[in-house]
Protein backbone atom coordinates (compact mmCIF):
# COMPACT_ATOMS: atom_id res chain seq x y z
CA UNK A 1 146.86 178.28 193.89
CA UNK A 2 144.90 179.14 190.82
CA UNK A 3 147.87 178.59 188.60
CA UNK A 4 148.70 175.40 190.35
CA UNK A 5 144.81 174.18 189.61
CA UNK A 6 145.30 175.22 185.87
CA UNK A 7 148.47 173.24 185.47
CA UNK A 8 146.78 170.46 187.35
CA UNK A 9 144.02 170.32 184.76
CA UNK A 10 146.55 169.53 182.00
CA UNK A 11 146.03 165.85 181.50
CA UNK A 12 149.77 166.04 179.78
CA UNK A 13 151.11 166.37 183.18
CA UNK A 14 150.18 162.69 183.98
CA UNK A 15 153.25 161.11 182.70
CA UNK A 16 154.03 158.13 185.02
CA UNK A 17 152.30 154.79 184.07
CA UNK A 18 151.26 153.12 187.41
CA UNK A 19 149.05 150.30 188.39
CA UNK A 20 146.20 150.91 190.96
CA UNK A 21 146.08 147.89 193.30
CA UNK A 22 143.84 146.81 195.84
CA UNK A 23 144.70 144.27 198.85
CA UNK A 24 143.13 140.73 198.71
CA UNK A 25 143.21 137.62 200.84
CA UNK A 26 144.15 134.66 198.76
CA UNK A 27 144.02 131.07 200.32
CA UNK A 28 147.43 129.88 201.14
CA UNK A 29 146.72 126.12 200.60
CA UNK A 30 147.09 125.26 204.42
CA UNK A 31 143.86 126.61 205.61
CA UNK A 32 144.74 130.32 206.08
CA UNK A 33 145.09 133.39 203.72
CA UNK A 34 147.86 135.38 202.26
CA UNK A 35 147.47 139.03 201.68
CA UNK A 36 148.47 139.93 197.94
CA UNK A 37 147.94 142.87 195.74
CA UNK A 38 145.43 142.76 192.70
CA UNK A 39 145.62 145.15 189.88
CA UNK A 40 142.42 147.31 189.55
CA UNK A 41 143.56 149.48 186.57
CA UNK A 42 146.47 150.82 184.88
CA UNK A 43 146.51 154.50 185.13
CA UNK A 44 148.54 157.67 184.25
CA UNK A 45 149.80 159.69 187.13
CA UNK A 46 151.98 162.74 188.20
CA UNK A 47 154.31 162.04 191.21
CA UNK A 48 155.44 164.99 193.25
CA UNK A 49 157.57 164.43 196.40
CA UNK A 50 156.51 166.21 199.67
CA UNK A 51 158.69 167.98 202.10
CA UNK A 52 158.16 167.09 205.66
CA UNK A 53 155.43 169.30 207.32
CA UNK A 54 155.62 170.74 210.85
CA UNK A 55 153.42 172.80 213.07
CA UNK A 56 149.79 173.57 212.26
CA UNK A 57 149.96 172.37 208.65
CA UNK A 58 151.16 168.87 209.81
CA UNK A 59 148.17 168.55 212.27
CA UNK A 60 145.71 169.07 209.50
CA UNK A 61 145.78 165.40 208.44
CA UNK A 62 146.00 162.05 210.57
CA UNK A 63 148.18 160.26 207.93
CA UNK A 64 151.65 160.28 206.82
CA UNK A 65 152.63 161.18 203.35
CA UNK A 66 155.95 161.40 201.43
CA UNK A 67 154.32 161.90 197.93
CA UNK A 68 151.44 163.54 196.51
CA UNK A 69 150.30 161.70 193.31
CA UNK A 70 147.74 163.16 190.94
CA UNK A 71 145.49 160.87 188.86
CA UNK A 72 142.22 161.25 186.81
CA UNK A 73 139.34 160.98 189.08
CA UNK A 74 137.96 157.67 189.99
CA UNK A 75 135.09 156.48 192.25
CA UNK A 76 136.94 153.41 193.49
CA UNK A 77 140.24 154.99 195.02
CA UNK A 78 140.50 154.89 198.78
CA UNK A 79 142.93 154.67 201.60
CA UNK A 80 144.58 151.21 201.83
CA UNK A 81 145.15 150.88 198.17
CA UNK A 82 148.29 151.29 196.59
CA UNK A 83 149.96 152.62 193.41
CA UNK A 84 152.81 150.65 191.79
CA UNK A 85 155.14 152.18 189.31
CA UNK A 86 158.70 152.25 188.16
CA UNK A 87 159.88 154.21 191.26
CA UNK A 88 158.29 151.68 193.85
CA UNK A 89 155.05 151.26 195.50
CA UNK A 90 153.00 154.12 197.12
CA UNK A 91 150.73 153.41 199.64
CA UNK A 92 147.55 155.32 199.54
CA UNK A 93 146.80 157.07 202.89
CA UNK A 94 144.11 159.70 201.79
CA UNK A 95 142.51 160.15 198.40
CA UNK A 96 140.57 163.35 197.73
CA UNK A 97 138.65 165.07 194.61
CA UNK A 98 141.37 167.61 193.56
CA UNK A 99 138.99 170.21 191.98
CA UNK A 100 135.59 169.32 193.19
CA UNK A 101 134.78 168.56 189.56
CA UNK A 102 135.69 164.89 189.58
CA UNK A 103 138.27 165.43 186.83
CA UNK A 104 141.40 164.92 188.96
CA UNK A 105 142.08 163.17 192.32
CA UNK A 106 145.19 163.70 194.71
CA UNK A 107 146.35 160.89 196.64
CA UNK A 108 148.65 161.48 199.68
CA UNK A 109 151.04 158.34 199.72
CA UNK A 110 153.79 156.79 201.47
CA UNK A 111 156.50 155.85 199.11
CA UNK A 112 158.25 152.36 199.51
CA UNK A 113 161.16 151.53 197.05
CA UNK A 114 161.22 148.25 195.62
């Protein structure tokens, strides 16, 4: 695990350009609202596919994830946002400080191809 953390700390591993997006309600012109996505920031990321988990390990989280995406730590990332990149959209189901030093963040995401 320590070898994984040292590799994680290499900023050169963040090679995928992505848009961090948040959901917003926009007036639809008919008195209602339409859900759209607004870009918060353009960021660099490392995307890793995750194998399905089973048993005890799968019970540790109450969200689904097909990808683990590592980004530089940001205070404004939370579940409900999404990352949009060349490979598709990734809905963030959980985001955590990867190293407890506010250097990197791990986002557990569900991937949806565009």
